[in-house]
Amino acid sequence: MLGKLRWTPTEQLEVQLQIDGEFDNGQTKSYNNRSIAGNSSSTAFYPLYPYNDFSQVGGALSIGYRIDNNLNLKSITQFRYFDQVALYDNTSDLWARNSNWLHYWDRNYSQEIRLNGEYDQLDFRVAGYFNHDEWFSGRRANAYNPATTTNYFADPQVATTYLPNMQELWQITNTYAIYGEGNYHFTDALRLTLGGRINYQEQWNNDYNYSLVNGQTSSSLAGGAFTTTDPFAAFYNPRGVLNWSVRDKAGWLTGSPKVVLSYQATPELQFYASFSQGTKDGGFDMRAQGPTIASVTQASIPYRPEKLSTYEFGFKSSWFDSRLIFNAAAFWNDIQNVQATALDPTTNTTHRFSAGHGRSNGVELQATVRPNDDLEIGATGSYLDALLDYYAGTTTYAVLANSPFGANYVYPTAAHSGSRLPYSPKFQGSINATYRIPVDLPGTFKISGSVQAQTSYYTDIINNPIVKIAPQAFVNLFGSYTTPDDHWTFKLAVNNLFDRRFAQNYTYQPITKGTGLGQPAYWAVGYNDPRSIVGSIRYAF
């Protein structure tokens, strides 16, 4: 649901209130296990009901006041909250390995004060910003030991040893920032933009790990027994001994400048060049949830902010009374302290850490054509070359006695210099068209369609070919009707028209000892949604 209200009690004062909410008690999306013969995108072997209860609400109150003809003051207050309880399947097998019974909630508050000004050749914006975020994770994890695991093809079957445990995590993050941006018009055609942001972030990390094994009397780190062969102990046993706890705090101060020079060569053509920097926040790894010393290390070491420096050159053009729009840009990104979840050789533990230096460069194209007032056709395309130039660690490999790629297959277990950055397809593009149906009826009828495609990519910094995502393409159709007064809009969409199912992420774990050595303990895959029909109704006051 979504609602907006706008109130203008005077010419100088404007108040806007937006409230939205989402409620979902549908089943959680399950993975599928490709290590099982005959598996398909619609086959799952999860023994627990995929329960899910999700809700989120949010709102924003915006108050704008025009001080005079040159200055405007604006306050933006936002609040957002979500809560979820779910049984989540990570492996889709008969033993519920690595599955979770989780409870998440998050409360987020922010306040921003902006001052906008416009004086002849200069316009500017300065602001102060504060954000407070409280995150809780209560996760019952059905961890297991791959050295003692079973597999579907072993004869006889060997019992898996489980390490059922519970994580309770509280992370509180405060962010303080001041930023500003100004545009100076040297002439009607030449404009210089200067901006910057100073950001301070601090995070408190409180992480606790409890045993879920009946009869355990001491911490697993002190030698307490924390294993069981019961695959459902993680879901039904009461919280037991505290295995470990970590309480820590870290903070980071960052700065982000911005410079843009633009030139309107003709009424139809504008060139620009820009340099800007941005940061991705640092923090503590929230997925430290095992009962071992490795998870203590994972929870204790914060990762630093990732810094991105971007250089971009391009042009924007509009021709034939805006019936043809064509834009192009080339960019180069320099990435310091690349954040990645991988094996950190310094601690010999897999966790999120600053893995090294990266870079990416590419080209983006966008075009829109309107042959007449009823038809609009658009297309986008991009090329991206994104690599980890330098890996701040030791590259390691392992040999699988049996694998999806054959016997004695060598695969990487850590990143390497030259790894492709995650979720970075080299090519991607789309084509879309919208047609206003010229019928002699009240209101406006429209139909539209789109095709989206992309090449293969990796979902991790390791670049393991076993979990590489294949090229994929989707077709979508849409239809809408808007009443003559523009108040009501009815929409109907068919997403993934041809019901194509492509892998979107993988999890792979080989058996390391005993029966089935080298075979996959699981090779879990998550697919995109099947064909779906979505309707919406919108009313605008």
Protein backbone atom coordinates (compact mmCIF):
# COMPACT_ATOMS: atom_id res chain seq x y z
CA MET A 1 0.00 0.00 0.00
CA LEU A 2 1.10 3.56 -0.68
CA GLY A 3 -0.43 6.91 0.19
CA LYS A 4 0.63 10.53 -0.28
CA LEU A 5 -0.88 13.77 1.05
CA ARG A 6 0.12 17.30 0.11
CA TRP A 7 -0.94 20.42 2.05
CA THR A 8 -0.13 24.03 1.17
CA PRO A 9 -1.60 26.24 3.92
CA THR A 10 0.23 29.31 2.53
CA GLU A 11 2.14 30.18 -0.62
CA GLN A 12 5.40 29.83 1.30
CA LEU A 13 4.71 26.59 3.19
CA GLU A 14 4.27 23.11 1.74
CA VAL A 15 3.80 19.89 3.74
CA GLN A 16 3.90 16.38 2.22
CA LEU A 17 3.26 13.11 4.02
CA GLN A 18 3.95 9.71 2.49
CA ILE A 19 3.08 6.39 4.13
CA ASP A 20 3.68 2.92 2.70
CA GLY A 21 3.41 -0.65 3.88
CA GLU A 22 3.91 -4.20 2.70
CA PHE A 23 2.63 -7.43 4.27
CA ASP A 24 3.51 -10.90 3.03
CA ASN A 25 2.80 -14.28 4.56
CA GLY A 26 3.51 -16.28 1.42
CA GLN A 27 6.05 -19.06 1.42
CA THR A 28 9.76 -18.29 1.44
CA LYS A 29 11.55 -18.85 -1.86
CA SER A 30 13.38 -22.17 -1.72
CA TYR A 31 16.58 -23.30 -3.35
CA ASN A 32 16.92 -26.41 -5.51
CA ASN A 33 19.69 -28.99 -5.20
CA ARG A 34 21.40 -29.74 -8.52
CA SER A 35 23.39 -32.56 -6.95
CA ILE A 36 20.20 -34.64 -7.00
CA ALA A 37 19.54 -36.48 -10.23
CA GLY A 38 16.42 -35.26 -12.00
CA ASN A 39 16.32 -31.92 -10.19
CA SER A 40 14.59 -29.04 -11.96
CA SER A 41 13.67 -25.44 -11.22
CA SER A 42 10.36 -26.60 -9.73
CA THR A 43 11.73 -29.45 -7.56
CA ALA A 44 12.63 -29.00 -3.90
CA PHE A 45 13.31 -31.53 -1.15
CA TYR A 46 13.02 -29.31 1.90
CA PRO A 47 11.48 -31.26 4.84
CA LEU A 48 10.17 -28.17 6.69
CA TYR A 49 7.28 -25.97 5.69
CA PRO A 50 8.67 -22.74 4.11
CA TYR A 51 6.94 -20.46 6.63
CA ASN A 52 7.19 -16.72 6.18
CA ASP A 53 5.63 -13.74 7.97
CA PHE A 54 6.96 -10.41 6.71
CA SER A 55 5.76 -6.87 7.28
CA GLN A 56 7.23 -3.45 6.77
CA VAL A 57 5.92 0.08 7.16
CA GLY A 58 7.48 3.44 6.54
CA GLY A 59 6.78 7.09 6.18
CA ALA A 60 8.31 10.43 5.29
CA LEU A 61 7.28 13.90 6.37
CA SER A 62 8.59 16.71 4.20
CA ILE A 63 8.15 20.35 5.21
CA GLY A 64 9.29 23.04 2.79
CA TYR A 65 9.38 26.77 3.51
CA ARG A 66 10.21 29.48 0.97
CA ILE A 67 12.12 32.11 2.92
CA ASP A 68 12.20 34.56 0.02
CA ASN A 69 12.57 34.52 -3.75
CA ASN A 70 16.11 33.14 -3.43
CA LEU A 71 16.12 30.75 -0.49
CA ASN A 72 14.14 27.61 0.38
CA LEU A 73 14.40 25.58 3.58
CA LYS A 74 13.33 21.94 3.70
CA SER A 75 13.08 19.34 6.45
CA ILE A 76 12.77 15.60 5.62
CA THR A 77 11.98 13.19 8.44
CA GLN A 78 11.81 9.47 7.64
CA PHE A 79 11.00 6.30 9.54
CA ARG A 80 11.08 2.69 8.38
CA TYR A 81 10.48 -0.58 10.19
CA PHE A 82 10.36 -4.19 9.10
CA ASP A 83 9.87 -7.52 10.89
CA GLN A 84 10.23 -11.04 9.52
CA VAL A 85 9.96 -14.54 10.93
CA ALA A 86 10.74 -17.32 8.47
CA LEU A 87 11.97 -20.85 7.91
CA TYR A 88 14.59 -20.43 5.21
CA ASP A 89 15.94 -23.22 3.03
CA ASN A 90 19.55 -22.84 1.82
CA THR A 91 20.25 -26.31 0.40
CA SER A 92 17.00 -28.06 -0.58
CA ASP A 93 17.85 -31.53 0.68
CA LEU A 94 16.26 -34.09 2.95
CA TRP A 95 18.41 -33.13 5.95
CA ALA A 96 17.80 -29.34 5.99
CA ARG A 97 21.53 -28.64 6.09
CA ASN A 98 22.46 -24.97 6.51
CA SER A 99 18.80 -24.03 6.84
CA ASN A 100 17.66 -21.32 9.24
CA TRP A 101 14.75 -20.41 11.41
CA LEU A 102 15.18 -16.68 11.61
CA HIS A 103 13.72 -13.57 13.15
CA TYR A 104 14.88 -10.25 11.68
CA TRP A 105 13.80 -6.75 12.48
CA ASP A 106 15.12 -3.32 11.66
CA ARG A 107 14.21 0.20 12.78
CA ASN A 108 15.56 3.14 10.84
CA TYR A 109 15.15 6.86 11.52
CA SER A 110 16.65 9.76 9.57
CA GLN A 111 16.52 13.54 9.63
CA GLU A 112 17.75 15.90 6.93
CA ILE A 113 17.72 19.70 6.79
CA ARG A 114 18.36 21.31 3.38
CA LEU A 115 18.86 24.90 2.34
CA ASN A 116 18.47 25.61 -1.39
CA GLY A 117 19.46 28.92 -2.91
CA GLU A 118 19.42 30.57 -6.32
CA TYR A 119 21.18 33.85 -7.13
CA ASP A 120 21.70 34.91 -10.73
CA GLN A 121 24.54 32.69 -11.98
CA LEU A 122 24.77 30.59 -8.83
CA ASP A 123 22.47 27.97 -7.37
CA PHE A 124 23.38 25.73 -4.44
CA ARG A 125 22.21 23.22 -1.87
CA VAL A 126 23.70 22.57 1.59
CA ALA A 127 22.40 20.05 4.10
CA GLY A 128 22.94 18.23 7.35
CA TYR A 129 21.95 14.56 7.71
CA PHE A 130 21.57 12.07 10.56
CA ASN A 131 20.60 8.40 10.31
CA HIS A 132 20.02 5.94 13.15
CA ASP A 133 19.65 2.23 12.38
CA GLU A 134 18.91 -0.66 14.76
CA TRP A 135 19.26 -4.17 13.35
CA PHE A 136 18.40 -7.44 15.13
CA SER A 137 19.05 -10.96 13.89
CA GLY A 138 17.85 -14.00 15.80
CA ARG A 139 18.90 -16.97 13.73
CA ARG A 140 18.66 -20.69 14.51
CA ALA A 141 21.27 -22.17 12.16
CA ASN A 142 21.47 -25.81 11.17
CA ALA A 143 25.20 -25.76 10.50
CA TYR A 144 26.94 -29.02 9.76
CA ASN A 145 30.42 -30.51 9.33
CA PRO A 146 31.24 -31.33 5.68
CA ALA A 147 33.93 -33.77 6.87
CA THR A 148 31.23 -36.09 8.26
CA THR A 149 28.40 -35.37 5.86
CA THR A 150 26.43 -37.82 3.80
CA ASN A 151 25.32 -37.58 0.17
CA TYR A 152 22.48 -38.93 -1.91
CA PHE A 153 24.59 -41.51 -3.73
CA ALA A 154 26.54 -43.08 -0.86
CA ASP A 155 25.90 -46.73 -0.05
CA PRO A 156 25.53 -47.20 2.83
CA GLN A 157 24.48 -43.73 3.96
CA VAL A 158 26.70 -42.03 6.53
CA ALA A 159 25.11 -39.88 9.23
CA THR A 160 25.80 -36.15 9.06
CA THR A 161 27.10 -34.40 12.16
CA TYR A 162 25.23 -31.17 12.87
CA LEU A 163 26.32 -28.13 14.85
CA PRO A 164 22.95 -26.53 15.72
CA ASN A 165 23.36 -23.09 17.22
CA MET A 166 21.56 -19.80 17.65
CA GLN A 167 22.81 -16.30 16.88
CA GLU A 168 21.45 -13.20 18.57
CA LEU A 169 22.89 -10.07 17.03
CA TRP A 170 22.25 -6.38 17.70
CA GLN A 171 23.94 -3.83 15.47
CA ILE A 172 23.37 -0.12 16.02
CA THR A 173 24.69 2.30 13.42
CA ASN A 174 24.71 6.10 13.55
CA THR A 175 25.66 8.18 10.53
CA TYR A 176 26.32 11.92 10.60
CA ALA A 177 26.94 13.88 7.41
CA ILE A 178 27.14 17.37 5.98
CA TYR A 179 27.14 17.92 2.25
CA GLY A 180 26.77 20.64 -0.30
CA GLU A 181 26.63 21.22 -4.02
CA GLY A 182 26.73 24.37 -6.10
CA ASN A 183 26.31 25.17 -9.80
CA TYR A 184 27.96 28.24 -11.31
CA HIS A 185 26.82 29.29 -14.79
CA PHE A 186 29.71 31.09 -16.48
CA THR A 187 27.47 31.53 -19.51
CA ASP A 188 24.15 30.12 -20.63
CA ALA A 189 26.10 27.21 -22.16
CA LEU A 190 28.97 26.58 -19.68
CA ARG A 191 28.32 25.34 -16.13
CA LEU A 192 30.62 24.19 -13.33
CA THR A 193 29.35 22.02 -10.46
CA LEU A 194 31.30 21.61 -7.23
CA GLY A 195 30.17 19.44 -4.35
CA GLY A 196 31.28 17.33 -1.45
CA ARG A 197 30.20 15.27 1.54
CA ILE A 198 31.84 14.60 4.90
CA ASN A 199 30.51 11.44 6.55
CA TYR A 200 31.11 9.91 9.97
CA GLN A 201 29.73 6.46 10.72
CA GLU A 202 29.91 4.53 13.97
CA GLN A 203 28.67 1.00 14.57
CA TRP A 204 28.16 -1.02 17.75
CA ASN A 205 28.28 -4.80 17.29
CA ASN A 206 26.81 -7.14 19.93
CA ASP A 207 26.93 -10.77 18.79
CA TYR A 208 26.05 -13.86 20.88
CA ASN A 209 26.16 -17.54 19.94
CA TYR A 210 24.24 -20.19 21.89
CA SER A 211 24.21 -23.96 21.65
CA LEU A 212 21.05 -25.81 20.68
CA VAL A 213 22.33 -29.26 21.72
CA ASN A 214 20.58 -30.93 24.62
CA GLY A 215 22.88 -31.77 27.52
CA GLN A 216 25.74 -29.42 26.66
CA THR A 217 27.10 -27.89 29.88
CA SER A 218 30.04 -25.73 28.74
CA SER A 219 30.97 -23.47 25.84
CA SER A 220 32.05 -25.12 22.61
CA LEU A 221 35.22 -23.02 22.80
CA ALA A 222 35.97 -24.64 26.18
CA GLY A 223 35.56 -28.15 24.82
CA GLY A 224 31.82 -28.53 25.33
CA ALA A 225 30.15 -31.08 23.05
CA PHE A 226 28.07 -29.28 20.43
CA THR A 227 27.34 -31.93 17.83
CA THR A 228 24.30 -34.08 17.15
CA THR A 229 22.95 -36.32 14.39
CA ASP A 230 19.44 -34.89 14.80
CA PRO A 231 18.78 -32.75 11.68
CA PHE A 232 15.95 -30.86 13.42
CA ALA A 233 17.65 -29.97 16.71
CA ALA A 234 18.26 -26.43 15.48
CA PHE A 235 14.53 -25.85 15.06
CA TYR A 236 13.06 -27.45 18.18
CA ASN A 237 15.65 -27.47 20.98
CA PRO A 238 15.66 -24.66 23.58
CA ARG A 239 18.48 -22.13 23.74
CA GLY A 240 21.33 -23.57 25.78
CA VAL A 241 24.91 -22.73 26.71
CA LEU A 242 26.50 -19.46 25.55
CA ASN A 243 29.32 -20.55 23.26
CA TRP A 244 30.82 -17.09 22.74
CA SER A 245 30.00 -13.39 22.63
CA VAL A 246 31.57 -10.37 20.95
CA ARG A 247 30.90 -6.75 21.86
CA ASP A 248 32.80 -4.13 19.91
CA LYS A 249 32.60 -0.69 18.30
CA ALA A 250 34.23 0.97 15.29
CA GLY A 251 33.95 4.27 13.45
CA TRP A 252 35.05 5.74 10.12
CA LEU A 253 35.40 9.29 8.80
CA THR A 254 35.20 9.69 5.01
CA GLY A 255 35.03 12.51 2.49
CA SER A 256 33.57 12.53 -1.02
CA PRO A 257 34.24 15.39 -3.49
CA LYS A 258 32.45 16.01 -6.81
CA VAL A 259 33.32 18.11 -9.86
CA VAL A 260 31.26 18.35 -13.07
CA LEU A 261 31.86 20.56 -16.11
CA SER A 262 29.06 20.69 -18.69
CA TYR A 263 28.81 22.55 -21.99
CA GLN A 264 25.63 23.07 -24.03
CA ALA A 265 27.21 23.13 -27.50
CA THR A 266 23.88 23.56 -29.29
CA PRO A 267 20.25 23.52 -28.14
CA GLU A 268 20.25 19.81 -29.04
CA LEU A 269 23.67 18.69 -27.73
CA GLN A 270 25.33 18.86 -24.31
CA PHE A 271 28.79 17.53 -23.36
CA TYR A 272 29.97 16.86 -19.81
CA ALA A 273 32.94 15.53 -17.83
CA SER A 274 32.86 14.61 -14.15
CA PHE A 275 34.92 13.34 -11.26
CA SER A 276 33.30 12.11 -8.06
CA GLN A 277 34.02 9.90 -5.09
CA GLY A 278 31.73 7.82 -2.92
CA THR A 279 32.05 5.28 -0.15
CA LYS A 280 30.30 2.09 0.87
CA ASP A 281 30.00 1.94 4.66
CA GLY A 282 32.27 -0.22 6.75
CA GLY A 283 30.96 -2.47 9.49
CA PHE A 284 31.02 -5.80 11.27
CA ASP A 285 30.12 -9.03 9.52
CA MET A 286 26.56 -9.85 10.57
CA ARG A 287 26.74 -13.46 9.34
CA ALA A 288 29.12 -14.75 12.03
CA GLN A 289 26.92 -17.50 13.45
CA GLY A 290 28.94 -20.67 14.02
CA PRO A 291 29.94 -22.17 17.41
CA THR A 292 33.68 -22.17 16.54
CA ILE A 293 36.60 -19.80 17.04
CA ALA A 294 36.45 -18.97 13.31
CA SER A 295 33.07 -17.28 13.85
CA VAL A 296 34.48 -15.32 16.79
CA THR A 297 37.16 -14.00 14.45
CA GLN A 298 34.54 -13.27 11.80
CA ALA A 299 32.44 -11.25 14.28
CA SER A 300 35.38 -9.37 15.81
CA ILE A 301 37.16 -7.84 12.80
CA PRO A 302 35.39 -4.92 11.11
CA TYR A 303 35.79 -4.29 7.39
CA ARG A 304 36.81 -0.82 6.22
CA PRO A 305 34.72 1.48 4.00
CA GLU A 306 35.07 0.84 0.30
CA LYS A 307 36.07 3.95 -1.67
CA LEU A 308 35.04 4.53 -5.28
CA SER A 309 36.56 7.21 -7.53
CA THR A 310 34.67 7.72 -10.80
CA TYR A 311 35.74 9.53 -13.95
CA GLU A 312 33.00 9.95 -16.56
CA PHE A 313 32.75 11.62 -19.96
CA GLY A 314 29.68 11.77 -22.13
CA PHE A 315 27.06 13.67 -24.01
CA LYS A 316 23.27 14.07 -23.99
CA SER A 317 21.33 14.96 -27.11
CA SER A 318 17.74 15.62 -28.13
CA TRP A 319 16.78 15.97 -31.80
CA PHE A 320 13.70 16.66 -33.94
CA ASP A 321 11.64 18.29 -31.22
CA SER A 322 12.67 15.57 -28.71
CA ARG A 323 11.43 12.76 -30.94
CA LEU A 324 14.94 11.29 -30.89
CA ILE A 325 16.99 11.23 -27.68
CA PHE A 326 20.46 9.70 -27.68
CA ASN A 327 22.87 9.69 -24.73
CA ALA A 328 26.28 8.07 -24.32
CA ALA A 329 28.85 7.89 -21.51
CA ALA A 330 32.24 6.32 -20.90
CA PHE A 331 33.50 5.81 -17.34
CA TRP A 332 36.44 4.58 -15.31
CA ASN A 333 36.11 3.49 -11.67
CA ASP A 334 38.97 3.06 -9.22
CA ILE A 335 37.95 1.01 -6.16
CA GLN A 336 40.00 0.97 -2.96
CA ASN A 337 39.43 -1.51 -0.10
CA VAL A 338 37.16 -3.76 -2.15
CA GLN A 339 34.74 -5.40 0.28
CA ALA A 340 34.39 -9.14 -0.33
CA THR A 341 33.29 -12.24 1.55
CA ALA A 342 36.14 -14.70 1.01
CA LEU A 343 38.97 -16.52 2.78
CA ASP A 344 41.11 -13.93 4.56
CA PRO A 345 44.64 -15.41 4.69
CA THR A 346 45.57 -13.12 7.58
CA THR A 347 43.08 -14.87 9.85
CA ASN A 348 42.54 -18.05 7.78
CA THR A 349 38.82 -17.40 8.18
CA THR A 350 36.10 -16.73 5.63
CA HIS A 351 34.49 -13.40 6.42
CA ARG A 352 33.79 -10.01 4.91
CA PHE A 353 37.04 -8.05 4.70
CA SER A 354 38.90 -5.48 2.61
CA ALA A 355 40.18 -7.76 -0.13
CA GLY A 356 42.28 -5.39 -2.23
CA HIS A 357 42.10 -2.94 -5.10
CA GLY A 358 39.69 -3.07 -8.03
CA ARG A 359 38.78 -1.15 -11.13
CA SER A 360 36.03 -1.11 -13.71
CA ASN A 361 35.50 0.72 -16.96
CA GLY A 362 32.79 0.69 -19.55
CA VAL A 363 30.37 2.41 -21.87
CA GLU A 364 26.64 3.09 -21.50
CA LEU A 365 24.24 3.96 -24.33
CA GLN A 366 20.59 5.03 -24.18
CA ALA A 367 18.20 5.98 -26.98
CA THR A 368 14.52 6.87 -27.24
CA VAL A 369 12.54 7.28 -30.47
CA ARG A 370 8.99 8.68 -30.81
CA PRO A 371 7.88 8.22 -34.45
CA ASN A 372 4.49 9.70 -33.55
CA ASP A 373 2.54 10.83 -30.52
CA ASP A 374 1.27 7.32 -29.78
CA LEU A 375 4.45 5.20 -30.03
CA GLU A 376 7.68 5.37 -28.02
CA ILE A 377 10.60 2.94 -28.43
CA GLY A 378 13.60 2.84 -26.11
CA ALA A 379 16.84 0.89 -25.92
CA THR A 380 19.77 0.70 -23.50
CA GLY A 381 23.10 -1.09 -23.74
CA SER A 382 26.26 -1.26 -21.70
CA TYR A 383 29.72 -2.82 -21.64
CA LEU A 384 31.52 -3.34 -18.31
CA ASP A 385 34.99 -4.67 -17.54
CA ALA A 386 35.26 -5.01 -13.74
CA LEU A 387 38.29 -6.70 -12.15
CA LEU A 388 40.07 -7.12 -8.84
CA ASP A 389 43.46 -5.72 -9.86
CA TYR A 390 45.19 -6.69 -6.66
CA TYR A 391 44.14 -9.32 -4.12
CA ALA A 392 45.37 -8.65 -0.57
CA GLY A 393 45.76 -12.31 0.28
CA THR A 394 46.99 -15.71 -0.79
CA THR A 395 45.35 -17.45 -3.71
CA THR A 396 44.49 -21.08 -2.93
CA TYR A 397 43.02 -24.00 -4.88
CA ALA A 398 41.58 -27.42 -4.08
CA VAL A 399 41.19 -30.65 -6.03
CA LEU A 400 37.79 -32.33 -6.10
CA ALA A 401 37.94 -36.09 -6.53
CA ASN A 402 34.44 -35.83 -8.03
CA SER A 403 32.74 -32.66 -9.24
CA PRO A 404 30.09 -31.45 -11.70
CA PHE A 405 33.00 -30.88 -14.12
CA GLY A 406 34.52 -34.35 -13.74
CA ALA A 407 37.09 -36.14 -11.58
CA ASN A 408 40.11 -34.37 -10.04
CA TYR A 409 38.78 -30.96 -10.93
CA VAL A 410 40.90 -28.04 -9.68
CA TYR A 411 38.83 -25.12 -8.43
CA PRO A 412 39.68 -21.87 -6.62
CA THR A 413 38.99 -21.51 -2.90
CA ALA A 414 40.16 -17.88 -2.66
CA ALA A 415 40.21 -14.84 -4.90
CA HIS A 416 43.14 -13.93 -7.12
CA SER A 417 44.44 -10.82 -8.81
CA GLY A 418 42.44 -10.57 -12.02
CA SER A 419 39.21 -11.99 -10.54
CA ARG A 420 36.06 -10.51 -12.05
CA LEU A 421 34.10 -8.46 -9.54
CA PRO A 422 30.79 -10.04 -8.45
CA TYR A 423 27.52 -9.29 -10.26
CA SER A 424 29.30 -7.62 -13.19
CA PRO A 425 28.08 -8.97 -16.55
CA LYS A 426 30.19 -7.70 -19.44
CA PHE A 427 27.19 -6.89 -21.61
CA GLN A 428 23.61 -6.07 -20.75
CA GLY A 429 20.82 -4.28 -22.54
CA SER A 430 17.11 -3.81 -23.00
CA ILE A 431 14.53 -2.83 -25.60
CA ASN A 432 11.11 -1.47 -24.66
CA ALA A 433 8.13 -0.05 -26.50
CA THR A 434 4.95 1.72 -25.34
CA TYR A 435 1.94 2.28 -27.56
CA ARG A 436 -1.06 4.46 -26.74
CA ILE A 437 -4.03 2.75 -28.37
CA PRO A 438 -5.99 5.35 -30.42
CA VAL A 439 -9.50 4.19 -29.54
CA ASP A 440 -12.54 6.45 -29.46
CA LEU A 441 -13.25 5.85 -25.78
CA PRO A 442 -12.87 8.03 -22.67
CA GLY A 443 -9.47 7.78 -20.98
CA THR A 444 -6.09 6.49 -22.13
CA PHE A 445 -5.25 2.89 -23.01
CA LYS A 446 -1.61 1.81 -23.28
CA ILE A 447 0.25 -1.43 -23.98
CA SER A 448 3.97 -1.95 -23.63
CA GLY A 449 6.58 -4.66 -23.70
CA SER A 450 10.25 -5.09 -22.86
CA VAL A 451 13.13 -7.48 -23.47
CA GLN A 452 16.04 -7.56 -21.02
CA ALA A 453 19.24 -9.56 -21.54
CA GLN A 454 22.69 -9.94 -19.99
CA THR A 455 25.79 -12.09 -20.34
CA SER A 456 27.21 -14.41 -17.67
CA TYR A 457 28.71 -13.24 -14.37
CA TYR A 458 30.02 -14.48 -11.04
CA THR A 459 28.27 -14.01 -7.71
CA ASP A 460 31.47 -14.15 -5.63
CA ILE A 461 34.99 -12.76 -5.75
CA ILE A 462 36.46 -16.27 -5.98
CA ASN A 463 35.21 -16.80 -9.55
CA ASN A 464 34.43 -20.47 -9.03
CA PRO A 465 33.09 -21.77 -12.40
CA ILE A 466 30.81 -24.21 -10.56
CA VAL A 467 28.68 -21.29 -9.37
CA LYS A 468 28.89 -19.08 -12.47
CA ILE A 469 25.60 -17.53 -13.60
CA ALA A 470 24.70 -18.24 -17.23
CA PRO A 471 23.53 -15.64 -19.82
CA GLN A 472 19.81 -14.92 -19.63
CA ALA A 473 16.98 -12.91 -21.15
CA PHE A 474 13.39 -12.09 -20.16
CA VAL A 475 10.29 -10.74 -21.91
CA ASN A 476 7.62 -8.72 -20.08
CA LEU A 477 4.24 -7.27 -21.13
CA PHE A 478 2.21 -4.44 -19.58
CA GLY A 479 -1.16 -2.80 -20.08
CA SER A 480 -2.79 0.21 -18.42
CA TYR A 481 -5.90 2.35 -18.45
CA THR A 482 -6.14 5.90 -17.05
CA THR A 483 -9.47 7.62 -16.55
CA PRO A 484 -10.15 10.94 -18.35
CA ASP A 485 -9.67 12.95 -15.13
CA ASP A 486 -6.23 11.27 -14.52
CA HIS A 487 -7.31 10.20 -11.02
CA TRP A 488 -7.52 6.43 -11.53
CA THR A 489 -4.89 4.22 -13.18
CA PHE A 490 -5.35 0.47 -13.58
CA LYS A 491 -2.32 -1.64 -14.55
CA LEU A 492 -1.81 -5.28 -15.45
CA ALA A 493 1.65 -6.80 -16.01
CA VAL A 494 2.84 -10.21 -17.16
CA ASN A 495 6.40 -10.65 -15.98
CA ASN A 496 8.63 -13.32 -17.53
CA LEU A 497 6.12 -13.98 -20.30
CA PHE A 498 7.74 -17.19 -21.58
CA ASP A 499 8.30 -18.61 -18.07
CA ARG A 500 12.08 -18.88 -18.49
CA ARG A 501 13.90 -20.12 -15.38
CA PHE A 502 17.53 -19.09 -14.91
CA ALA A 503 19.85 -19.52 -11.94
CA GLN A 504 20.32 -16.29 -10.00
CA ASN A 505 22.69 -17.55 -7.27
CA TYR A 506 24.45 -20.74 -6.21
CA THR A 507 25.87 -22.31 -3.06
CA TYR A 508 28.32 -25.18 -3.45
CA GLN A 509 29.89 -27.40 -0.79
CA PRO A 510 31.95 -30.52 -1.58
CA ILE A 511 32.31 -33.45 0.79
CA THR A 512 35.84 -33.26 2.21
CA LYS A 513 36.26 -36.65 3.89
CA GLY A 514 34.82 -40.14 4.04
CA THR A 515 32.09 -41.59 1.87
CA GLY A 516 31.48 -39.57 -1.29
CA LEU A 517 34.77 -37.66 -1.12
CA GLY A 518 34.69 -34.78 -3.59
CA GLN A 519 31.04 -35.16 -4.49
CA PRO A 520 28.77 -32.20 -3.72
CA ALA A 521 27.26 -32.29 -0.24
CA TYR A 522 24.89 -29.84 -1.91
CA TRP A 523 24.88 -27.71 -5.02
CA ALA A 524 22.04 -25.35 -4.22
CA VAL A 525 20.62 -22.96 -6.77
CA GLY A 526 18.04 -20.18 -6.54
CA TYR A 527 15.99 -19.39 -9.64
CA ASN A 528 14.17 -16.28 -10.79
CA ASP A 529 10.42 -16.05 -10.31
CA PRO A 530 8.24 -17.96 -12.78
CA ARG A 531 5.73 -16.26 -15.03
CA SER A 532 3.62 -13.98 -12.86
CA ILE A 533 0.63 -11.70 -13.37
CA VAL A 534 0.54 -8.54 -11.27
CA GLY A 535 -2.25 -5.98 -11.08
CA SER A 536 -2.36 -2.57 -9.43
CA ILE A 537 -4.82 0.26 -8.88
CA ARG A 538 -3.69 3.82 -8.23
CA TYR A 539 -5.71 6.87 -7.26
CA ALA A 540 -4.24 10.38 -7.40
CA PHE A 541 -6.06 13.24 -5.66
